[in-house]
């Protein structure tokens, strides 16, 4: 499996981009869902990569949810207004 990721990263994505995308698999499912169903105006980000990076660094989903309520969901609400 790792060799497959390395092949994709080498051929299509930078190692940094691959790491960022793989990190998103560690995000609590309910946060994923909230991001996916968010309604935002065209051209706006639902939430920034910077906010998600800070949240996904926490392996514990309870801590992720706490950070999401503090940073991410407020960013989400701001982008939808």
PDB file of N, CA and C in Angstrom:
ATOM      1  N   UNK A   1       0.819  -1.189   0.000  1.00  0.00           N
ATOM      2  CA  UNK A   1       0.000   0.000   0.000  1.00  0.00           C
ATOM      3  C   UNK A   1       0.866   1.258   0.000  1.00  0.00           C
ATOM      4  N   UNK A   2       1.904   1.293   0.814  1.00  0.00           N
ATOM      5  CA  UNK A   2       2.782   2.459   0.878  1.00  0.00           C
ATOM      6  C   UNK A   2       3.462   2.678  -0.459  1.00  0.00           C
ATOM      7  N   UNK A   3       3.892   1.615  -1.105  1.00  0.00           N
ATOM      8  CA  UNK A   3       4.529   1.757  -2.413  1.00  0.00           C
ATOM      9  C   UNK A   3       3.562   2.404  -3.402  1.00  0.00           C
ATOM     10  N   UNK A   4       2.273   2.072  -3.295  1.00  0.00           N
ATOM     11  CA  UNK A   4       1.274   2.680  -4.170  1.00  0.00           C
ATOM     12  C   UNK A   4       1.151   4.171  -3.937  1.00  0.00           C
ATOM     13  N   UNK A   5       1.166   4.580  -2.682  1.00  0.00           N
ATOM     14  CA  UNK A   5       1.107   6.008  -2.360  1.00  0.00           C
ATOM     15  C   UNK A   5       2.345   6.728  -2.875  1.00  0.00           C
ATOM     16  N   UNK A   6       3.495   6.095  -2.707  1.00  0.00           N
ATOM     17  CA  UNK A   6       4.740   6.702  -3.165  1.00  0.00           C
ATOM     18  C   UNK A   6       4.731   6.864  -4.677  1.00  0.00           C
ATOM     19  N   UNK A   7       4.193   5.885  -5.381  1.00  0.00           N
ATOM     20  CA  UNK A   7       4.112   5.958  -6.845  1.00  0.00           C
ATOM     21  C   UNK A   7       3.206   7.098  -7.279  1.00  0.00           C
ATOM     22  N   UNK A   8       2.049   7.217  -6.651  1.00  0.00           N
ATOM     23  CA  UNK A   8       1.127   8.310  -6.987  1.00  0.00           C
ATOM     24  C   UNK A   8       1.770   9.650  -6.676  1.00  0.00           C
ATOM     25  N   UNK A   9       2.381   9.755  -5.526  1.00  0.00           N
ATOM     26  CA  UNK A   9       3.006  11.018  -5.128  1.00  0.00           C
ATOM     27  C   UNK A   9       4.118  11.395  -6.090  1.00  0.00           C
ATOM     28  N   UNK A  10       4.902  10.418  -6.520  1.00  0.00           N
ATOM     29  CA  UNK A  10       6.021  10.700  -7.419  1.00  0.00           C
ATOM     30  C   UNK A  10       5.544  11.089  -8.811  1.00  0.00           C
ATOM     31  N   UNK A  11       4.437  10.508  -9.241  1.00  0.00           N
ATOM     32  CA  UNK A  11       4.015  10.752 -10.617  1.00  0.00           C
ATOM     33  C   UNK A  11       3.035  11.902 -10.778  1.00  0.00           C
ATOM     34  N   UNK A  12       2.203  12.164  -9.775  1.00  0.00           N
ATOM     35  CA  UNK A  12       1.138  13.141  -9.964  1.00  0.00           C
ATOM     36  C   UNK A  12       1.118  14.261  -8.936  1.00  0.00           C
ATOM     37  N   UNK A  13       1.551  13.986  -7.725  1.00  0.00           N
ATOM     38  CA  UNK A  13       1.444  14.957  -6.642  1.00  0.00           C
ATOM     39  C   UNK A  13       2.793  15.155  -5.974  1.00  0.00           C
ATOM     40  N   UNK A  14       2.991  16.326  -5.435  1.00  0.00           N
ATOM     41  CA  UNK A  14       4.198  16.537  -4.646  1.00  0.00           C
ATOM     42  C   UNK A  14       4.065  15.750  -3.350  1.00  0.00           C
ATOM     43  N   UNK A  15       5.176  15.395  -2.726  1.00  0.00           N
ATOM     44  CA  UNK A  15       5.094  14.677  -1.444  1.00  0.00           C
ATOM     45  C   UNK A  15       4.302  15.447  -0.388  1.00  0.00           C
ATOM     46  N   UNK A  16       4.429  16.766  -0.373  1.00  0.00           N
ATOM     47  CA  UNK A  16       3.672  17.569   0.588  1.00  0.00           C
ATOM     48  C   UNK A  16       2.175  17.475   0.345  1.00  0.00           C
ATOM     49  N   UNK A  17       1.769  17.557  -0.906  1.00  0.00           N
ATOM     50  CA  UNK A  17       0.353  17.456  -1.242  1.00  0.00           C
ATOM     51  C   UNK A  17      -0.181  16.076  -0.897  1.00  0.00           C
ATOM     52  N   UNK A  18       0.597  15.054  -1.186  1.00  0.00           N
ATOM     53  CA  UNK A  18       0.181  13.686  -0.866  1.00  0.00           C
ATOM     54  C   UNK A  18       0.008  13.531   0.642  1.00  0.00           C
ATOM     55  N   UNK A  19       0.931  14.067   1.418  1.00  0.00           N
ATOM     56  CA  UNK A  19       0.839  13.989   2.880  1.00  0.00           C
ATOM     57  C   UNK A  19      -0.404  14.712   3.375  1.00  0.00           C
ATOM     58  N   UNK A  20      -0.674  15.904   2.840  1.00  0.00           N
ATOM     59  CA  UNK A  20      -1.863  16.659   3.251  1.00  0.00           C
ATOM     60  C   UNK A  20      -3.131  15.868   2.960  1.00  0.00           C
ATOM     61  N   UNK A  21      -3.196  15.264   1.806  1.00  0.00           N
ATOM     62  CA  UNK A  21      -4.397  14.503   1.441  1.00  0.00           C
ATOM     63  C   UNK A  21      -4.543  13.242   2.278  1.00  0.00           C
ATOM     64  N   UNK A  22      -3.449  12.572   2.548  1.00  0.00           N
ATOM     65  CA  UNK A  22      -3.518  11.373   3.375  1.00  0.00           C
ATOM     66  C   UNK A  22      -3.899  11.734   4.808  1.00  0.00           C
ATOM     67  N   UNK A  23      -3.428  12.874   5.292  1.00  0.00           N
ATOM     68  CA  UNK A  23      -3.784  13.315   6.643  1.00  0.00           C
ATOM     69  C   UNK A  23      -5.296  13.490   6.789  1.00  0.00           C
ATOM     70  N   UNK A  24      -5.958  13.890   5.726  1.00  0.00           N
ATOM     71  CA  UNK A  24      -7.407  14.097   5.795  1.00  0.00           C
ATOM     72  C   UNK A  24      -8.169  12.809   6.083  1.00  0.00           C
ATOM     73  N   UNK A  25      -7.551  11.665   5.808  1.00  0.00           N
ATOM     74  CA  UNK A  25      -8.210  10.393   6.129  1.00  0.00           C
ATOM     75  C   UNK A  25      -8.301  10.186   7.636  1.00  0.00           C
ATOM     76  N   UNK A  26      -7.552  10.966   8.409  1.00  0.00           N
ATOM     77  CA  UNK A  26      -7.551  10.854   9.871  1.00  0.00           C
ATOM     78  C   UNK A  26      -8.587  11.764  10.523  1.00  0.00           C
ATOM     79  N   UNK A  27      -9.264  12.561   9.729  1.00  0.00           N
ATOM     80  CA  UNK A  27     -10.245  13.511  10.250  1.00  0.00           C
ATOM     81  C   UNK A  27     -11.524  12.797  10.688  1.00  0.00           C
ATOM     82  N   UNK A  28     -12.082  13.219  11.797  1.00  0.00           N
ATOM     83  CA  UNK A  28     -13.316  12.611  12.320  1.00  0.00           C
ATOM     84  C   UNK A  28     -14.409  12.635  11.238  1.00  0.00           C
ATOM     85  N   UNK A  29     -15.149  11.546  11.079  1.00  0.00           N
ATOM     86  CA  UNK A  29     -16.153  11.448  10.016  1.00  0.00           C
ATOM     87  C   UNK A  29     -17.213  12.548  10.042  1.00  0.00           C
ATOM     88  N   UNK A  30     -17.638  12.970  11.219  1.00  0.00           N
ATOM     89  CA  UNK A  30     -18.672  14.000  11.276  1.00  0.00           C
ATOM     90  C   UNK A  30     -18.144  15.356  10.803  1.00  0.00           C
ATOM     91  N   UNK A  31     -16.851  15.591  10.969  1.00  0.00           N
ATOM     92  CA  UNK A  31     -16.262  16.835  10.449  1.00  0.00           C
ATOM     93  C   UNK A  31     -16.231  16.766   8.924  1.00  0.00           C
ATOM     94  N   UNK A  32     -15.837  15.605   8.385  1.00  0.00           N
ATOM     95  CA  UNK A  32     -15.889  15.401   6.928  1.00  0.00           C
ATOM     96  C   UNK A  32     -17.282  15.723   6.405  1.00  0.00           C
ATOM     97  N   UNK A  33     -18.271  15.164   7.052  1.00  0.00           N
ATOM     98  CA  UNK A  33     -19.648  15.347   6.596  1.00  0.00           C
ATOM     99  C   UNK A  33     -20.061  16.814   6.623  1.00  0.00           C
ATOM    100  N   UNK A  34     -19.714  17.513   7.695  1.00  0.00           N
ATOM    101  CA  UNK A  34     -20.080  18.923   7.803  1.00  0.00           C
ATOM    102  C   UNK A  34     -19.446  19.746   6.683  1.00  0.00           C
ATOM    103  N   UNK A  35     -18.207  19.413   6.348  1.00  0.00           N
ATOM    104  CA  UNK A  35     -17.521  20.120   5.260  1.00  0.00           C
ATOM    105  C   UNK A  35     -18.185  19.801   3.920  1.00  0.00           C
ATOM    106  N   UNK A  36     -18.502  18.527   3.715  1.00  0.00           N
ATOM    107  CA  UNK A  36     -19.071  18.107   2.430  1.00  0.00           C
ATOM    108  C   UNK A  36     -20.453  18.678   2.161  1.00  0.00           C
ATOM    109  N   UNK A  37     -21.259  18.868   3.190  1.00  0.00           N
ATOM    110  CA  UNK A  37     -22.616  19.363   2.978  1.00  0.00           C
ATOM    111  C   UNK A  37     -22.726  20.884   3.115  1.00  0.00           C
ATOM    112  N   UNK A  38     -21.619  21.531   3.401  1.00  0.00           N
ATOM    113  CA  UNK A  38     -21.639  22.985   3.585  1.00  0.00           C
ATOM    114  C   UNK A  38     -22.026  23.694   2.284  1.00  0.00           C
ATOM    115  N   UNK A  39     -22.821  24.718   2.437  1.00  0.00           N
ATOM    116  CA  UNK A  39     -23.189  25.544   1.293  1.00  0.00           C
ATOM    117  C   UNK A  39     -22.407  26.846   1.381  1.00  0.00           C
ATOM    118  N   UNK A  40     -21.572  27.066   0.391  1.00  0.00           N
ATOM    119  CA  UNK A  40     -20.777  28.299   0.344  1.00  0.00           C
ATOM    120  C   UNK A  40     -20.889  28.890  -1.053  1.00  0.00           C
ATOM    121  N   UNK A  41     -20.622  30.162  -1.137  1.00  0.00           N
ATOM    122  CA  UNK A  41     -20.719  30.797  -2.444  1.00  0.00           C
ATOM    123  C   UNK A  41     -19.579  30.322  -3.338  1.00  0.00           C
ATOM    124  N   UNK A  42     -19.813  30.262  -4.639  1.00  0.00           N
ATOM    125  CA  UNK A  42     -18.788  29.798  -5.574  1.00  0.00           C
ATOM    126  C   UNK A  42     -17.495  30.610  -5.441  1.00  0.00           C
ATOM    127  N   UNK A  43     -16.390  29.899  -5.519  1.00  0.00           N
ATOM    128  CA  UNK A  43     -15.089  30.547  -5.435  1.00  0.00           C
ATOM    129  C   UNK A  43     -14.549  30.688  -4.018  1.00  0.00           C
ATOM    130  N   UNK A  44     -15.365  30.384  -3.020  1.00  0.00           N
ATOM    131  CA  UNK A  44     -14.920  30.470  -1.627  1.00  0.00           C
ATOM    132  C   UNK A  44     -14.567  29.073  -1.132  1.00  0.00           C
ATOM    133  N   UNK A  45     -13.593  28.998  -0.254  1.00  0.00           N
ATOM    134  CA  UNK A  45     -13.251  27.722   0.365  1.00  0.00           C
ATOM    135  C   UNK A  45     -14.199  27.457   1.522  1.00  0.00           C
ATOM    136  N   UNK A  46     -14.565  26.214   1.701  1.00  0.00           N
ATOM    137  CA  UNK A  46     -15.398  25.832   2.831  1.00  0.00           C
ATOM    138  C   UNK A  46     -14.625  26.092   4.112  1.00  0.00           C
ATOM    139  N   UNK A  47     -13.394  25.669   4.120  1.00  0.00           N
ATOM    140  CA  UNK A  47     -12.502  25.876   5.264  1.00  0.00           C
ATOM    141  C   UNK A  47     -11.081  25.855   4.703  1.00  0.00           C
ATOM    142  N   UNK A  48     -10.188  26.566   5.327  1.00  0.00           N
ATOM    143  CA  UNK A  48      -8.826  26.645   4.789  1.00  0.00           C
ATOM    144  C   UNK A  48      -8.002  25.416   5.158  1.00  0.00           C
ATOM    145  N   UNK A  49      -6.991  25.172   4.362  1.00  0.00           N
ATOM    146  CA  UNK A  49      -6.074  24.068   4.620  1.00  0.00           C
ATOM    147  C   UNK A  49      -5.361  24.286   5.945  1.00  0.00           C
ATOM    148  N   UNK A  50      -5.078  25.525   6.265  1.00  0.00           N
ATOM    149  CA  UNK A  50      -4.384  25.847   7.517  1.00  0.00           C
ATOM    150  C   UNK A  50      -5.210  25.414   8.736  1.00  0.00           C
ATOM    151  N   UNK A  51      -6.507  25.696   8.694  1.00  0.00           N
ATOM    152  CA  UNK A  51      -7.391  25.308   9.798  1.00  0.00           C
ATOM    153  C   UNK A  51      -7.471  23.780   9.882  1.00  0.00           C
ATOM    154  N   UNK A  52      -7.659  23.119   8.744  1.00  0.00           N
ATOM    155  CA  UNK A  52      -7.754  21.660   8.756  1.00  0.00           C
ATOM    156  C   UNK A  52      -6.461  21.010   9.231  1.00  0.00           C
ATOM    157  N   UNK A  53      -5.323  21.561   8.841  1.00  0.00           N
ATOM    158  CA  UNK A  53      -4.038  21.005   9.283  1.00  0.00           C
ATOM    159  C   UNK A  53      -3.915  21.037  10.793  1.00  0.00           C
ATOM    160  N   UNK A  54      -4.335  22.130  11.395  1.00  0.00           N
ATOM    161  CA  UNK A  54      -4.259  22.248  12.853  1.00  0.00           C
ATOM    162  C   UNK A  54      -5.174  21.232  13.530  1.00  0.00           C
ATOM    163  N   UNK A  55      -6.307  20.966  12.917  1.00  0.00           N
ATOM    164  CA  UNK A  55      -7.270  20.029  13.500  1.00  0.00           C
ATOM    165  C   UNK A  55      -6.799  18.587  13.325  1.00  0.00           C
ATOM    166  N   UNK A  56      -6.335  18.260  12.137  1.00  0.00           N
ATOM    167  CA  UNK A  56      -5.986  16.869  11.835  1.00  0.00           C
ATOM    168  C   UNK A  56      -4.703  16.430  12.554  1.00  0.00           C
ATOM    169  N   UNK A  57      -3.909  17.373  13.037  1.00  0.00           N
ATOM    170  CA  UNK A  57      -2.713  17.020  13.812  1.00  0.00           C
ATOM    171  C   UNK A  57      -3.068  16.277  15.098  1.00  0.00           C
ATOM    172  N   UNK A  58      -4.281  16.468  15.545  1.00  0.00           N
ATOM    173  CA  UNK A  58      -4.757  15.773  16.744  1.00  0.00           C
ATOM    174  C   UNK A  58      -5.315  14.417  16.324  1.00  0.00           C
ATOM    175  N   UNK A  59      -4.736  13.358  16.832  1.00  0.00           N
ATOM    176  CA  UNK A  59      -5.187  12.016  16.455  1.00  0.00           C
ATOM    177  C   UNK A  59      -6.535  11.677  17.099  1.00  0.00           C
ATOM    178  N   UNK A  60      -6.793  12.252  18.252  1.00  0.00           N
ATOM    179  CA  UNK A  60      -8.015  11.954  18.991  1.00  0.00           C
ATOM    180  C   UNK A  60      -9.199  12.713  18.396  1.00  0.00           C
ATOM    181  N   UNK A  61     -10.249  11.988  18.013  1.00  0.00           N
ATOM    182  CA  UNK A  61     -11.413  12.625  17.385  1.00  0.00           C
ATOM    183  C   UNK A  61     -12.122  13.582  18.332  1.00  0.00           C
ATOM    184  N   UNK A  62     -12.101  13.303  19.617  1.00  0.00           N
ATOM    185  CA  UNK A  62     -12.732  14.222  20.573  1.00  0.00           C
ATOM    186  C   UNK A  62     -12.012  15.563  20.553  1.00  0.00           C
ATOM    187  N   UNK A  63     -10.695  15.520  20.532  1.00  0.00           N
ATOM    188  CA  UNK A  63      -9.906  16.756  20.457  1.00  0.00           C
ATOM    189  C   UNK A  63     -10.111  17.439  19.111  1.00  0.00           C
ATOM    190  N   UNK A  64     -10.202  16.672  18.034  1.00  0.00           N
ATOM    191  CA  UNK A  64     -10.479  17.259  16.717  1.00  0.00           C
ATOM    192  C   UNK A  64     -11.805  18.010  16.739  1.00  0.00           C
ATOM    193  N   UNK A  65     -12.815  17.384  17.314  1.00  0.00           N
ATOM    194  CA  UNK A  65     -14.138  18.022  17.367  1.00  0.00           C
ATOM    195  C   UNK A  65     -14.095  19.303  18.188  1.00  0.00           C
ATOM    196  N   UNK A  66     -13.344  19.287  19.260  1.00  0.00           N
ATOM    197  CA  UNK A  66     -13.202  20.482  20.083  1.00  0.00           C
ATOM    198  C   UNK A  66     -12.540  21.605  19.285  1.00  0.00           C
ATOM    199  N   UNK A  67     -11.485  21.271  18.581  1.00  0.00           N
ATOM    200  CA  UNK A  67     -10.804  22.280  17.750  1.00  0.00           C
ATOM    201  C   UNK A  67     -11.703  22.740  16.598  1.00  0.00           C
ATOM    202  N   UNK A  68     -12.455  21.819  16.022  1.00  0.00           N
ATOM    203  CA  UNK A  68     -13.369  22.166  14.930  1.00  0.00           C
ATOM    204  C   UNK A  68     -14.413  23.168  15.408  1.00  0.00           C
ATOM    205  N   UNK A  69     -14.967  22.916  16.587  1.00  0.00           N
ATOM    206  CA  UNK A  69     -15.949  23.855  17.132  1.00  0.00           C
ATOM    207  C   UNK A  69     -15.297  25.214  17.398  1.00  0.00           C
ATOM    208  N   UNK A  70     -14.023  25.220  17.746  1.00  0.00           N
ATOM    209  CA  UNK A  70     -13.335  26.475  18.056  1.00  0.00           C
ATOM    210  C   UNK A  70     -12.835  27.220  16.836  1.00  0.00           C
ATOM    211  N   UNK A  71     -12.448  26.492  15.783  1.00  0.00           N
ATOM    212  CA  UNK A  71     -11.839  27.142  14.618  1.00  0.00           C
ATOM    213  C   UNK A  71     -12.579  26.849  13.325  1.00  0.00           C
ATOM    214  N   UNK A  72     -12.698  25.587  13.028  1.00  0.00           N
ATOM    215  CA  UNK A  72     -13.218  25.174  11.727  1.00  0.00           C
ATOM    216  C   UNK A  72     -14.648  25.538  11.469  1.00  0.00           C
ATOM    217  N   UNK A  73     -15.533  25.221  12.408  1.00  0.00           N
ATOM    218  CA  UNK A  73     -16.939  25.496  12.150  1.00  0.00           C
ATOM    219  C   UNK A  73     -17.212  26.987  12.108  1.00  0.00           C
ATOM    220  N   UNK A  74     -16.433  27.775  12.844  1.00  0.00           N
ATOM    221  CA  UNK A  74     -16.621  29.228  12.758  1.00  0.00           C
ATOM    222  C   UNK A  74     -16.136  29.739  11.412  1.00  0.00           C
ATOM    223  N   UNK A  75     -15.052  29.143  10.891  1.00  0.00           N
ATOM    224  CA  UNK A  75     -14.577  29.505   9.550  1.00  0.00           C
ATOM    225  C   UNK A  75     -15.612  29.098   8.513  1.00  0.00           C
ATOM    226  N   UNK A  76     -16.225  27.955   8.738  1.00  0.00           N
ATOM    227  CA  UNK A  76     -17.269  27.468   7.832  1.00  0.00           C
ATOM    228  C   UNK A  76     -18.453  28.418   7.807  1.00  0.00           C
ATOM    229  N   UNK A  77     -18.896  28.852   8.986  1.00  0.00           N
ATOM    230  CA  UNK A  77     -20.028  29.792   9.045  1.00  0.00           C
ATOM    231  C   UNK A  77     -19.663  31.124   8.388  1.00  0.00           C
ATOM    232  N   UNK A  78     -18.439  31.591   8.605  1.00  0.00           N
ATOM    233  CA  UNK A  78     -18.026  32.872   8.021  1.00  0.00           C
ATOM    234  C   UNK A  78     -17.991  32.806   6.500  1.00  0.00           C
ATOM    235  N   UNK A  79     -17.601  31.647   5.950  1.00  0.00           N
ATOM    236  CA  UNK A  79     -17.521  31.546   4.491  1.00  0.00           C
ATOM    237  C   UNK A  79     -18.872  31.389   3.842  1.00  0.00           C
ATOM    238  N   UNK A  80     -19.884  31.019   4.608  1.00  0.00           N
ATOM    239  CA  UNK A  80     -21.203  30.830   4.020  1.00  0.00           C
ATOM    240  C   UNK A  80     -22.074  32.084   4.119  1.00  0.00           C
ATOM    241  N   UNK A  81     -21.551  33.134   4.738  1.00  0.00           N
ATOM    242  CA  UNK A  81     -22.327  34.371   4.854  1.00  0.00           C
ATOM    243  C   UNK A  81     -21.943  35.369   3.805  1.00  0.00           C
TER     244      UNK A  81
END
